[in-house]
Amino acid sequence: MRTLLHDPAFALEKAGPIDLSEFPTDIAGEEDKKELKALVEKDKERIIALQELLYATDSHALLLVFQAMDASGKDSCIRHVLGGLDPQGCQVWSFKAPSAEERDHDFLWRHAKALPERGRIGIHNRSHYEEVVVTRVHPEFILGQRIPGITSVEKVDRAFWEDRYAAIRNFEEHLTREGTVIMKFFLHVGRAAQKERFMERIRDPEKRWKFNVGDVRERAHWKAYQQAYSEAIGATAAPHAPWYIIPADEQWESRAVVARLVRERLEAMDLRPLKPSPEQDAAAVEAERTLNAEPKDA
């Protein structure tokens, strides 16, 4: 029998209709919390070592996209799985509502600005997918972007969203051709689990700072968000930019799954230490000679 960690996530590598209601938010596994923490730490150590090789080879970048409903555990997942990465080789972006400057550009502009350079890992906590999820649930937000021809909510029609999906597919395909490896995670939390986490934040004074009453208001649009995510994921899954639907009702399980997937993807990149050139070898020999010739009391 497969446990959660052996069959934990649904990798979608081909575009096509999906229904998130058909995907579980929790899969019972045999591992306990202590074991899950140990697995995360083990994979985390390996990820840190592989990051150093990624930085040294300077040939590819790794972009990790995290999307989810509120209180799904995105922040804590990123912190526990990727918190030990060298800041020189890692960039984390948490995207909020677009600024006035960002609304004056196309919807991909601010995300393109935040892409990782070759040799680095970029983590996008929310991403360009907000522009086909939040705006899909609240199409009135599109009007604030002042897009030519979009003068009313009625103009934000099916063709509009299909154009945005196409733009995202082209954007991600371009990034892949240029050396960016893309992994997209949807932390799939159930409505009951979300409510439990909201209640925990409300009742615990030390966690109340996390609570945002707006998150509760958005719960009224739960079905609309599930539909928007279903369409966005189904329209943009691809072999070069797969989606991983991660059961997220149990946070240590989702963290262990994400850690394993990132570790496996980095290992599949076959990163190896660079071999020094003859000139570098000669320079190293000369440097060693120079250092050995220094007076001992210098």
C-alpha atoms as a PDB file:
ATOM      1  CA  MET A   1       0.000   0.000   0.000  1.00  0.00           C
ATOM      2  CA  ARG A   2       1.341   3.414  -0.964  1.00  0.00           C
ATOM      3  CA  THR A   3       1.707   5.994   1.759  1.00  0.00           C
ATOM      4  CA  LEU A   4       1.364   9.723   1.416  1.00  0.00           C
ATOM      5  CA  LEU A   5       5.051  10.281   0.801  1.00  0.00           C
ATOM      6  CA  HIS A   6       5.276   7.661  -1.927  1.00  0.00           C
ATOM      7  CA  ASP A   7       2.232   8.887  -3.833  1.00  0.00           C
ATOM      8  CA  PRO A   8       1.767  12.349  -2.416  1.00  0.00           C
ATOM      9  CA  ALA A   9       1.194  14.754  -5.240  1.00  0.00           C
ATOM     10  CA  PHE A  10      -0.562  14.761  -8.543  1.00  0.00           C
ATOM     11  CA  ALA A  11       1.888  15.890 -11.205  1.00  0.00           C
ATOM     12  CA  LEU A  12       0.062  17.454 -14.140  1.00  0.00           C
ATOM     13  CA  GLU A  13       2.274  17.738 -17.206  1.00  0.00           C
ATOM     14  CA  LYS A  14      -0.351  18.070 -19.917  1.00  0.00           C
ATOM     15  CA  ALA A  15      -2.983  20.734 -20.422  1.00  0.00           C
ATOM     16  CA  GLY A  16      -6.571  19.611 -20.102  1.00  0.00           C
ATOM     17  CA  PRO A  17      -9.685  20.112 -18.002  1.00  0.00           C
ATOM     18  CA  ILE A  18      -9.393  19.257 -14.309  1.00  0.00           C
ATOM     19  CA  ASP A  19     -11.714  19.507 -11.314  1.00  0.00           C
ATOM     20  CA  LEU A  20      -9.989  20.187  -8.016  1.00  0.00           C
ATOM     21  CA  SER A  21     -12.884  18.639  -6.129  1.00  0.00           C
ATOM     22  CA  GLU A  22     -11.704  15.275  -7.456  1.00  0.00           C
ATOM     23  CA  PHE A  23      -8.294  15.683  -5.792  1.00  0.00           C
ATOM     24  CA  PRO A  24      -7.929  14.868  -2.081  1.00  0.00           C
ATOM     25  CA  THR A  25      -6.738  17.479   0.368  1.00  0.00           C
ATOM     26  CA  ASP A  26      -5.501  14.827   2.772  1.00  0.00           C
ATOM     27  CA  ILE A  27      -4.107  11.344   2.221  1.00  0.00           C
ATOM     28  CA  ALA A  28      -3.636   9.208   5.306  1.00  0.00           C
ATOM     29  CA  GLY A  29      -0.029   8.069   5.641  1.00  0.00           C
ATOM     30  CA  GLU A  30       1.902   5.934   8.049  1.00  0.00           C
ATOM     31  CA  GLU A  31       4.502   8.558   8.937  1.00  0.00           C
ATOM     32  CA  ASP A  32       4.152  10.467  12.201  1.00  0.00           C
ATOM     33  CA  LYS A  33       5.076  14.111  12.748  1.00  0.00           C
ATOM     34  CA  LYS A  34       8.540  13.305  14.116  1.00  0.00           C
ATOM     35  CA  GLU A  35       9.336  11.146  11.100  1.00  0.00           C
ATOM     36  CA  LEU A  36       8.030  13.775   8.688  1.00  0.00           C
ATOM     37  CA  LYS A  37      10.222  16.446  10.294  1.00  0.00           C
ATOM     38  CA  ALA A  38      13.249  14.168   9.949  1.00  0.00           C
ATOM     39  CA  LEU A  39      12.472  13.595   6.273  1.00  0.00           C
ATOM     40  CA  VAL A  40      12.159  17.326   5.652  1.00  0.00           C
ATOM     41  CA  GLU A  41      15.495  18.006   7.357  1.00  0.00           C
ATOM     42  CA  LYS A  42      17.223  15.284   5.373  1.00  0.00           C
ATOM     43  CA  ASP A  43      15.896  16.568   2.054  1.00  0.00           C
ATOM     44  CA  LYS A  44      16.624  20.146   3.115  1.00  0.00           C
ATOM     45  CA  GLU A  45      20.308  19.338   3.672  1.00  0.00           C
ATOM     46  CA  ARG A  46      20.482  17.767   0.222  1.00  0.00           C
ATOM     47  CA  ILE A  47      18.731  20.768  -1.362  1.00  0.00           C
ATOM     48  CA  ILE A  48      21.266  23.121   0.248  1.00  0.00           C
ATOM     49  CA  ALA A  49      24.149  21.072  -1.174  1.00  0.00           C
ATOM     50  CA  LEU A  50      22.542  20.995  -4.617  1.00  0.00           C
ATOM     51  CA  GLN A  51      21.934  24.741  -4.506  1.00  0.00           C
ATOM     52  CA  GLU A  52      25.667  25.268  -4.193  1.00  0.00           C
ATOM     53  CA  LEU A  53      26.229  23.198  -7.329  1.00  0.00           C
ATOM     54  CA  LEU A  54      23.465  25.086  -9.148  1.00  0.00           C
ATOM     55  CA  TYR A  55      25.160  28.352  -8.238  1.00  0.00           C
ATOM     56  CA  ALA A  56      28.584  27.085  -9.296  1.00  0.00           C
ATOM     57  CA  THR A  57      27.490  25.729 -12.680  1.00  0.00           C
ATOM     58  CA  ASP A  58      25.595  28.955 -13.486  1.00  0.00           C
ATOM     59  CA  SER A  59      23.742  27.318 -16.388  1.00  0.00           C
ATOM     60  CA  HIS A  60      20.161  27.028 -15.130  1.00  0.00           C
ATOM     61  CA  ALA A  61      17.785  28.770 -12.755  1.00  0.00           C
ATOM     62  CA  LEU A  62      15.055  27.107 -10.716  1.00  0.00           C
ATOM     63  CA  LEU A  63      11.699  28.872 -10.326  1.00  0.00           C
ATOM     64  CA  LEU A  64       9.373  27.554  -7.626  1.00  0.00           C
ATOM     65  CA  VAL A  65       5.813  28.892  -7.790  1.00  0.00           C
ATOM     66  CA  PHE A  66       3.523  28.508  -4.763  1.00  0.00           C
ATOM     67  CA  GLN A  67      -0.213  29.075  -5.112  1.00  0.00           C
ATOM     68  CA  ALA A  68      -3.035  28.217  -2.745  1.00  0.00           C
ATOM     69  CA  MET A  69      -6.099  29.347  -0.890  1.00  0.00           C
ATOM     70  CA  ASP A  70      -5.582  31.448   2.237  1.00  0.00           C
ATOM     71  CA  ALA A  71      -4.200  29.607   5.309  1.00  0.00           C
ATOM     72  CA  SER A  72      -2.928  26.729   3.175  1.00  0.00           C
ATOM     73  CA  GLY A  73       0.553  26.870   4.723  1.00  0.00           C
ATOM     74  CA  LYS A  74       2.524  28.431   1.856  1.00  0.00           C
ATOM     75  CA  ASP A  75       4.672  30.660   4.077  1.00  0.00           C
ATOM     76  CA  SER A  76       5.493  27.912   6.567  1.00  0.00           C
ATOM     77  CA  CYS A  77       6.204  25.423   3.778  1.00  0.00           C
ATOM     78  CA  ILE A  78       8.678  27.805   2.167  1.00  0.00           C
ATOM     79  CA  ARG A  79      10.268  28.558   5.538  1.00  0.00           C
ATOM     80  CA  HIS A  80      10.665  24.925   6.640  1.00  0.00           C
ATOM     81  CA  VAL A  81      11.730  23.479   3.289  1.00  0.00           C
ATOM     82  CA  LEU A  82      13.791  26.292   1.792  1.00  0.00           C
ATOM     83  CA  GLY A  83      14.719  28.479   4.753  1.00  0.00           C
ATOM     84  CA  GLY A  84      18.299  27.201   4.907  1.00  0.00           C
ATOM     85  CA  LEU A  85      19.286  28.211   1.385  1.00  0.00           C
ATOM     86  CA  ASP A  86      22.208  30.582   0.883  1.00  0.00           C
ATOM     87  CA  PRO A  87      20.691  34.064   0.394  1.00  0.00           C
ATOM     88  CA  GLN A  88      23.283  34.765  -2.318  1.00  0.00           C
ATOM     89  CA  GLY A  89      21.719  32.080  -4.467  1.00  0.00           C
ATOM     90  CA  CYS A  90      18.068  32.422  -3.528  1.00  0.00           C
ATOM     91  CA  GLN A  91      15.412  35.088  -4.008  1.00  0.00           C
ATOM     92  CA  VAL A  92      11.974  35.033  -2.361  1.00  0.00           C
ATOM     93  CA  TRP A  93       9.157  37.246  -3.593  1.00  0.00           C
ATOM     94  CA  SER A  94       5.759  37.585  -1.925  1.00  0.00           C
ATOM     95  CA  PHE A  95       3.441  39.307  -4.339  1.00  0.00           C
ATOM     96  CA  LYS A  96       0.699  41.530  -2.959  1.00  0.00           C
ATOM     97  CA  ALA A  97      -1.901  43.600  -4.806  1.00  0.00           C
ATOM     98  CA  PRO A  98      -0.282  45.394  -7.783  1.00  0.00           C
ATOM     99  CA  SER A  99       0.947  48.939  -7.224  1.00  0.00           C
ATOM    100  CA  ALA A 100      -0.016  51.861  -9.471  1.00  0.00           C
ATOM    101  CA  GLU A 101       3.272  51.468 -11.332  1.00  0.00           C
ATOM    102  CA  GLU A 102       2.725  47.735 -11.812  1.00  0.00           C
ATOM    103  CA  ARG A 103      -0.818  48.295 -13.116  1.00  0.00           C
ATOM    104  CA  ASP A 104       0.674  50.595 -15.766  1.00  0.00           C
ATOM    105  CA  HIS A 105       2.508  47.596 -17.246  1.00  0.00           C
ATOM    106  CA  ASP A 106       1.326  44.279 -18.629  1.00  0.00           C
ATOM    107  CA  PHE A 107       0.326  41.705 -16.034  1.00  0.00           C
ATOM    108  CA  LEU A 108       3.552  39.685 -16.423  1.00  0.00           C
ATOM    109  CA  TRP A 109       5.927  42.642 -16.013  1.00  0.00           C
ATOM    110  CA  ARG A 110       6.455  42.565 -12.261  1.00  0.00           C
ATOM    111  CA  HIS A 111       6.873  38.791 -12.286  1.00  0.00           C
ATOM    112  CA  ALA A 112       9.439  38.913 -15.096  1.00  0.00           C
ATOM    113  CA  LYS A 113      11.396  41.453 -13.033  1.00  0.00           C
ATOM    114  CA  ALA A 114      11.516  38.992 -10.138  1.00  0.00           C
ATOM    115  CA  LEU A 115      12.805  35.995 -12.070  1.00  0.00           C
ATOM    116  CA  PRO A 116      15.963  34.283 -10.747  1.00  0.00           C
ATOM    117  CA  GLU A 117      19.220  34.622 -12.640  1.00  0.00           C
ATOM    118  CA  ARG A 118      21.025  31.530 -13.851  1.00  0.00           C
ATOM    119  CA  GLY A 119      22.586  29.736 -10.930  1.00  0.00           C
ATOM    120  CA  ARG A 120      19.879  30.852  -8.512  1.00  0.00           C
ATOM    121  CA  ILE A 121      16.600  29.631  -7.060  1.00  0.00           C
ATOM    122  CA  GLY A 122      13.611  31.946  -7.236  1.00  0.00           C
ATOM    123  CA  ILE A 123      10.627  31.391  -4.953  1.00  0.00           C
ATOM    124  CA  HIS A 124       7.384  33.147  -5.857  1.00  0.00           C
ATOM    125  CA  ASN A 125       4.910  33.142  -2.987  1.00  0.00           C
ATOM    126  CA  ARG A 126       1.865  33.836  -5.148  1.00  0.00           C
ATOM    127  CA  SER A 127       2.714  34.693  -8.726  1.00  0.00           C
ATOM    128  CA  HIS A 128       1.444  35.632 -12.170  1.00  0.00           C
ATOM    129  CA  TYR A 129      -1.343  33.107 -11.551  1.00  0.00           C
ATOM    130  CA  GLU A 130      -3.039  35.626  -9.286  1.00  0.00           C
ATOM    131  CA  GLU A 131      -3.938  37.394 -12.523  1.00  0.00           C
ATOM    132  CA  VAL A 132      -6.063  34.468 -13.679  1.00  0.00           C
ATOM    133  CA  VAL A 133      -7.397  33.477 -10.255  1.00  0.00           C
ATOM    134  CA  VAL A 134      -8.122  36.506  -8.045  1.00  0.00           C
ATOM    135  CA  THR A 135      -9.054  38.603 -11.064  1.00  0.00           C
ATOM    136  CA  ARG A 136     -11.189  35.747 -12.361  1.00  0.00           C
ATOM    137  CA  VAL A 137     -13.185  35.761  -9.128  1.00  0.00           C
ATOM    138  CA  HIS A 138     -13.180  39.580  -9.050  1.00  0.00           C
ATOM    139  CA  PRO A 139     -13.154  40.701 -12.712  1.00  0.00           C
ATOM    140  CA  GLU A 140     -13.763  44.280 -11.591  1.00  0.00           C
ATOM    141  CA  PHE A 141     -10.045  44.375 -10.666  1.00  0.00           C
ATOM    142  CA  ILE A 142      -9.234  44.112 -14.376  1.00  0.00           C
ATOM    143  CA  LEU A 143     -10.857  47.481 -15.011  1.00  0.00           C
ATOM    144  CA  GLY A 144      -8.218  49.115 -12.809  1.00  0.00           C
ATOM    145  CA  GLN A 145      -5.550  47.899 -15.236  1.00  0.00           C
ATOM    146  CA  ARG A 146      -6.941  50.199 -17.957  1.00  0.00           C
ATOM    147  CA  ILE A 147      -6.488  47.650 -20.745  1.00  0.00           C
ATOM    148  CA  PRO A 148      -7.573  49.099 -24.119  1.00  0.00           C
ATOM    149  CA  GLY A 149     -11.003  47.859 -25.104  1.00  0.00           C
ATOM    150  CA  ILE A 150     -11.832  46.483 -21.644  1.00  0.00           C
ATOM    151  CA  THR A 151     -14.332  49.123 -20.549  1.00  0.00           C
ATOM    152  CA  SER A 152     -16.710  46.984 -18.506  1.00  0.00           C
ATOM    153  CA  VAL A 153     -16.833  43.697 -16.615  1.00  0.00           C
ATOM    154  CA  GLU A 154     -18.823  42.251 -19.517  1.00  0.00           C
ATOM    155  CA  LYS A 155     -15.753  42.726 -21.723  1.00  0.00           C
ATOM    156  CA  VAL A 156     -13.772  40.411 -19.423  1.00  0.00           C
ATOM    157  CA  ASP A 157     -15.124  37.396 -21.233  1.00  0.00           C
ATOM    158  CA  ARG A 158     -14.006  33.857 -22.021  1.00  0.00           C
ATOM    159  CA  ALA A 159     -11.750  35.033 -24.845  1.00  0.00           C
ATOM    160  CA  PHE A 160      -9.990  37.405 -22.433  1.00  0.00           C
ATOM    161  CA  TRP A 161      -9.064  34.553 -20.077  1.00  0.00           C
ATOM    162  CA  GLU A 162      -7.991  32.281 -22.910  1.00  0.00           C
ATOM    163  CA  ASP A 163      -5.631  35.029 -24.081  1.00  0.00           C
ATOM    164  CA  ARG A 164      -4.148  35.276 -20.598  1.00  0.00           C
ATOM    165  CA  TYR A 165      -3.650  31.510 -20.362  1.00  0.00           C
ATOM    166  CA  ALA A 166      -1.907  31.626 -23.745  1.00  0.00           C
ATOM    167  CA  ALA A 167       0.328  34.478 -22.545  1.00  0.00           C
ATOM    168  CA  ILE A 168       1.313  32.459 -19.473  1.00  0.00           C
ATOM    169  CA  ARG A 169       2.041  29.343 -21.541  1.00  0.00           C
ATOM    170  CA  ASN A 170       4.228  31.337 -23.926  1.00  0.00           C
ATOM    171  CA  PHE A 171       5.978  33.092 -21.033  1.00  0.00           C
ATOM    172  CA  GLU A 172       6.835  29.831 -19.283  1.00  0.00           C
ATOM    173  CA  GLU A 173       7.892  28.138 -22.513  1.00  0.00           C
ATOM    174  CA  HIS A 174      10.244  31.049 -23.228  1.00  0.00           C
ATOM    175  CA  LEU A 175      11.740  30.826 -19.730  1.00  0.00           C
ATOM    176  CA  THR A 176      12.372  27.117 -20.174  1.00  0.00           C
ATOM    177  CA  ARG A 177      14.156  27.635 -23.480  1.00  0.00           C
ATOM    178  CA  GLU A 178      16.389  30.184 -21.769  1.00  0.00           C
ATOM    179  CA  GLY A 179      17.395  27.788 -18.981  1.00  0.00           C
ATOM    180  CA  THR A 180      14.816  28.250 -16.198  1.00  0.00           C
ATOM    181  CA  VAL A 181      13.446  25.055 -14.670  1.00  0.00           C
ATOM    182  CA  ILE A 182       9.874  25.619 -13.458  1.00  0.00           C
ATOM    183  CA  MET A 183       7.960  23.820 -10.702  1.00  0.00           C
ATOM    184  CA  LYS A 184       4.459  24.994  -9.757  1.00  0.00           C
ATOM    185  CA  PHE A 185       2.917  23.880  -6.471  1.00  0.00           C
ATOM    186  CA  PHE A 186      -0.755  24.181  -5.574  1.00  0.00           C
ATOM    187  CA  LEU A 187      -1.167  23.488  -1.862  1.00  0.00           C
ATOM    188  CA  HIS A 188      -4.637  21.975  -1.876  1.00  0.00           C
ATOM    189  CA  VAL A 189      -6.306  22.669   1.467  1.00  0.00           C
ATOM    190  CA  GLY A 190      -9.869  21.688   2.290  1.00  0.00           C
ATOM    191  CA  ARG A 191     -12.532  24.155   3.365  1.00  0.00           C
ATOM    192  CA  ALA A 192     -12.858  22.572   6.823  1.00  0.00           C
ATOM    193  CA  ALA A 193      -9.094  22.679   7.392  1.00  0.00           C
ATOM    194  CA  GLN A 194      -8.997  26.327   6.335  1.00  0.00           C
ATOM    195  CA  LYS A 195     -11.753  27.171   8.817  1.00  0.00           C
ATOM    196  CA  GLU A 196      -9.861  25.375  11.593  1.00  0.00           C
ATOM    197  CA  ARG A 197      -6.723  27.409  10.882  1.00  0.00           C
ATOM    198  CA  PHE A 198      -8.676  30.666  10.805  1.00  0.00           C
ATOM    199  CA  MET A 199     -10.228  29.804  14.181  1.00  0.00           C
ATOM    200  CA  GLU A 200      -6.803  28.988  15.593  1.00  0.00           C
ATOM    201  CA  ARG A 201      -5.527  32.393  14.515  1.00  0.00           C
ATOM    202  CA  ILE A 202      -8.523  34.151  16.034  1.00  0.00           C
ATOM    203  CA  ARG A 203      -8.348  32.349  19.372  1.00  0.00           C
ATOM    204  CA  ASP A 204      -4.569  32.369  19.899  1.00  0.00           C
ATOM    205  CA  PRO A 205      -3.286  35.884  20.765  1.00  0.00           C
ATOM    206  CA  GLU A 206       0.202  34.947  19.553  1.00  0.00           C
ATOM    207  CA  LYS A 207      -1.150  33.995  16.126  1.00  0.00           C
ATOM    208  CA  ARG A 208      -3.820  36.662  15.808  1.00  0.00           C
ATOM    209  CA  TRP A 209      -1.471  38.936  13.879  1.00  0.00           C
ATOM    210  CA  LYS A 210      -1.787  36.466  10.983  1.00  0.00           C
ATOM    211  CA  PHE A 211      -5.534  36.867  10.863  1.00  0.00           C
ATOM    212  CA  ASN A 212      -7.056  39.059   8.182  1.00  0.00           C
ATOM    213  CA  VAL A 213     -10.805  39.535   8.234  1.00  0.00           C
ATOM    214  CA  GLY A 214     -10.681  39.878   4.452  1.00  0.00           C
ATOM    215  CA  ASP A 215      -9.651  36.225   4.238  1.00  0.00           C
ATOM    216  CA  VAL A 216     -12.920  35.231   5.886  1.00  0.00           C
ATOM    217  CA  ARG A 217     -14.883  37.372   3.440  1.00  0.00           C
ATOM    218  CA  GLU A 218     -13.146  35.612   0.557  1.00  0.00           C
ATOM    219  CA  ARG A 219     -14.377  32.252   1.906  1.00  0.00           C
ATOM    220  CA  ALA A 220     -17.769  33.225   0.510  1.00  0.00           C
ATOM    221  CA  HIS A 221     -16.175  32.813  -2.945  1.00  0.00           C
ATOM    222  CA  TRP A 222     -14.735  29.357  -2.201  1.00  0.00           C
ATOM    223  CA  LYS A 223     -16.401  27.619  -5.153  1.00  0.00           C
ATOM    224  CA  ALA A 224     -15.442  30.411  -7.524  1.00  0.00           C
ATOM    225  CA  TYR A 225     -11.803  30.173  -6.431  1.00  0.00           C
ATOM    226  CA  GLN A 226     -11.800  26.399  -6.823  1.00  0.00           C
ATOM    227  CA  GLN A 227     -13.199  26.800 -10.336  1.00  0.00           C
ATOM    228  CA  ALA A 228     -10.678  29.520 -11.203  1.00  0.00           C
ATOM    229  CA  TYR A 229      -7.768  27.401  -9.975  1.00  0.00           C
ATOM    230  CA  SER A 230      -9.089  24.329 -11.787  1.00  0.00           C
ATOM    231  CA  GLU A 231      -9.203  26.212 -15.081  1.00  0.00           C
ATOM    232  CA  ALA A 232      -5.852  27.955 -14.621  1.00  0.00           C
ATOM    233  CA  ILE A 233      -4.018  24.761 -13.668  1.00  0.00           C
ATOM    234  CA  GLY A 234      -5.665  22.757 -16.429  1.00  0.00           C
ATOM    235  CA  ALA A 235      -4.872  25.405 -19.041  1.00  0.00           C
ATOM    236  CA  THR A 236      -1.190  25.847 -18.140  1.00  0.00           C
ATOM    237  CA  ALA A 237       0.132  22.412 -17.158  1.00  0.00           C
ATOM    238  CA  ALA A 238       3.001  21.358 -19.429  1.00  0.00           C
ATOM    239  CA  PRO A 239       5.971  18.964 -19.374  1.00  0.00           C
ATOM    240  CA  HIS A 240       8.377  21.895 -19.005  1.00  0.00           C
ATOM    241  CA  ALA A 241       6.201  23.646 -16.384  1.00  0.00           C
ATOM    242  CA  PRO A 242       4.292  20.979 -14.446  1.00  0.00           C
ATOM    243  CA  TRP A 243       1.773  21.599 -11.706  1.00  0.00           C
ATOM    244  CA  TYR A 244       1.923  19.583  -8.492  1.00  0.00           C
ATOM    245  CA  ILE A 245      -1.321  19.379  -6.528  1.00  0.00           C
ATOM    246  CA  ILE A 246      -0.194  18.826  -2.943  1.00  0.00           C
ATOM    247  CA  PRO A 247      -2.659  17.635  -0.276  1.00  0.00           C
ATOM    248  CA  ALA A 248      -2.257  20.337   2.381  1.00  0.00           C
ATOM    249  CA  ASP A 249      -4.650  19.616   5.252  1.00  0.00           C
ATOM    250  CA  GLU A 250      -1.686  18.282   7.257  1.00  0.00           C
ATOM    251  CA  GLN A 251       1.151  20.794   7.007  1.00  0.00           C
ATOM    252  CA  TRP A 252       4.072  18.514   7.842  1.00  0.00           C
ATOM    253  CA  GLU A 253       2.893  16.096   5.179  1.00  0.00           C
ATOM    254  CA  SER A 254       2.749  18.823   2.530  1.00  0.00           C
ATOM    255  CA  ARG A 255       6.177  20.124   3.587  1.00  0.00           C
ATOM    256  CA  ALA A 256       7.679  16.649   3.291  1.00  0.00           C
ATOM    257  CA  VAL A 257       6.160  16.190  -0.152  1.00  0.00           C
ATOM    258  CA  VAL A 258       7.416  19.548  -1.448  1.00  0.00           C
ATOM    259  CA  ALA A 259      10.905  18.920  -0.019  1.00  0.00           C
ATOM    260  CA  ARG A 260      11.105  15.549  -1.745  1.00  0.00           C
ATOM    261  CA  LEU A 261       9.914  16.926  -5.093  1.00  0.00           C
ATOM    262  CA  VAL A 262      12.367  19.857  -5.071  1.00  0.00           C
ATOM    263  CA  ARG A 263      15.238  17.572  -4.062  1.00  0.00           C
ATOM    264  CA  GLU A 264      14.384  15.081  -6.805  1.00  0.00           C
ATOM    265  CA  ARG A 265      14.135  17.830  -9.428  1.00  0.00           C
ATOM    266  CA  LEU A 266      17.518  19.274  -8.513  1.00  0.00           C
ATOM    267  CA  GLU A 267      19.042  15.788  -8.596  1.00  0.00           C
ATOM    268  CA  ALA A 268      17.548  15.209 -12.043  1.00  0.00           C
ATOM    269  CA  MET A 269      19.398  18.294 -13.309  1.00  0.00           C
ATOM    270  CA  ASP A 270      22.609  16.265 -12.917  1.00  0.00           C
ATOM    271  CA  LEU A 271      24.534  19.179 -11.430  1.00  0.00           C
ATOM    272  CA  ARG A 272      28.251  18.535 -11.169  1.00  0.00           C
ATOM    273  CA  PRO A 273      31.212  20.568  -9.902  1.00  0.00           C
ATOM    274  CA  LEU A 274      32.936  22.493 -12.657  1.00  0.00           C
ATOM    275  CA  LYS A 275      36.337  21.203 -13.701  1.00  0.00           C
ATOM    276  CA  PRO A 276      39.026  23.895 -13.576  1.00  0.00           C
ATOM    277  CA  SER A 277      40.593  24.944 -16.868  1.00  0.00           C
ATOM    278  CA  PRO A 278      44.343  24.452 -17.480  1.00  0.00           C
ATOM    279  CA  GLU A 279      44.790  28.181 -16.915  1.00  0.00           C
ATOM    280  CA  GLN A 280      43.021  27.958 -13.549  1.00  0.00           C
ATOM    281  CA  ASP A 281      45.154  24.970 -12.556  1.00  0.00           C
ATOM    282  CA  ALA A 282      48.307  26.866 -13.481  1.00  0.00           C
ATOM    283  CA  ALA A 283      47.143  29.939 -11.548  1.00  0.00           C
ATOM    284  CA  ALA A 284      46.411  27.789  -8.492  1.00  0.00           C
ATOM    285  CA  VAL A 285      49.882  26.229  -8.614  1.00  0.00           C
ATOM    286  CA  GLU A 286      51.479  29.658  -8.882  1.00  0.00           C
ATOM    287  CA  ALA A 287      49.355  30.988  -6.010  1.00  0.00           C
ATOM    288  CA  GLU A 288      50.355  28.047  -3.820  1.00  0.00           C
ATOM    289  CA  ARG A 289      54.008  28.665  -4.647  1.00  0.00           C
ATOM    290  CA  THR A 290      53.664  32.316  -3.732  1.00  0.00           C
ATOM    291  CA  LEU A 291      51.981  31.539  -0.415  1.00  0.00           C
ATOM    292  CA  ASN A 292      54.584  28.947   0.510  1.00  0.00           C
ATOM    293  CA  ALA A 293      57.366  31.465  -0.236  1.00  0.00           C
ATOM    294  CA  GLU A 294      56.035  33.977   2.278  1.00  0.00           C
ATOM    295  CA  PRO A 295      58.215  34.466   5.367  1.00  0.00           C
ATOM    296  CA  LYS A 296      56.796  32.554   8.334  1.00  0.00           C
ATOM    297  CA  ASP A 297      56.733  35.666  10.507  1.00  0.00           C
ATOM    298  CA  ALA A 298      54.998  37.786   7.857  1.00  0.00           C
END
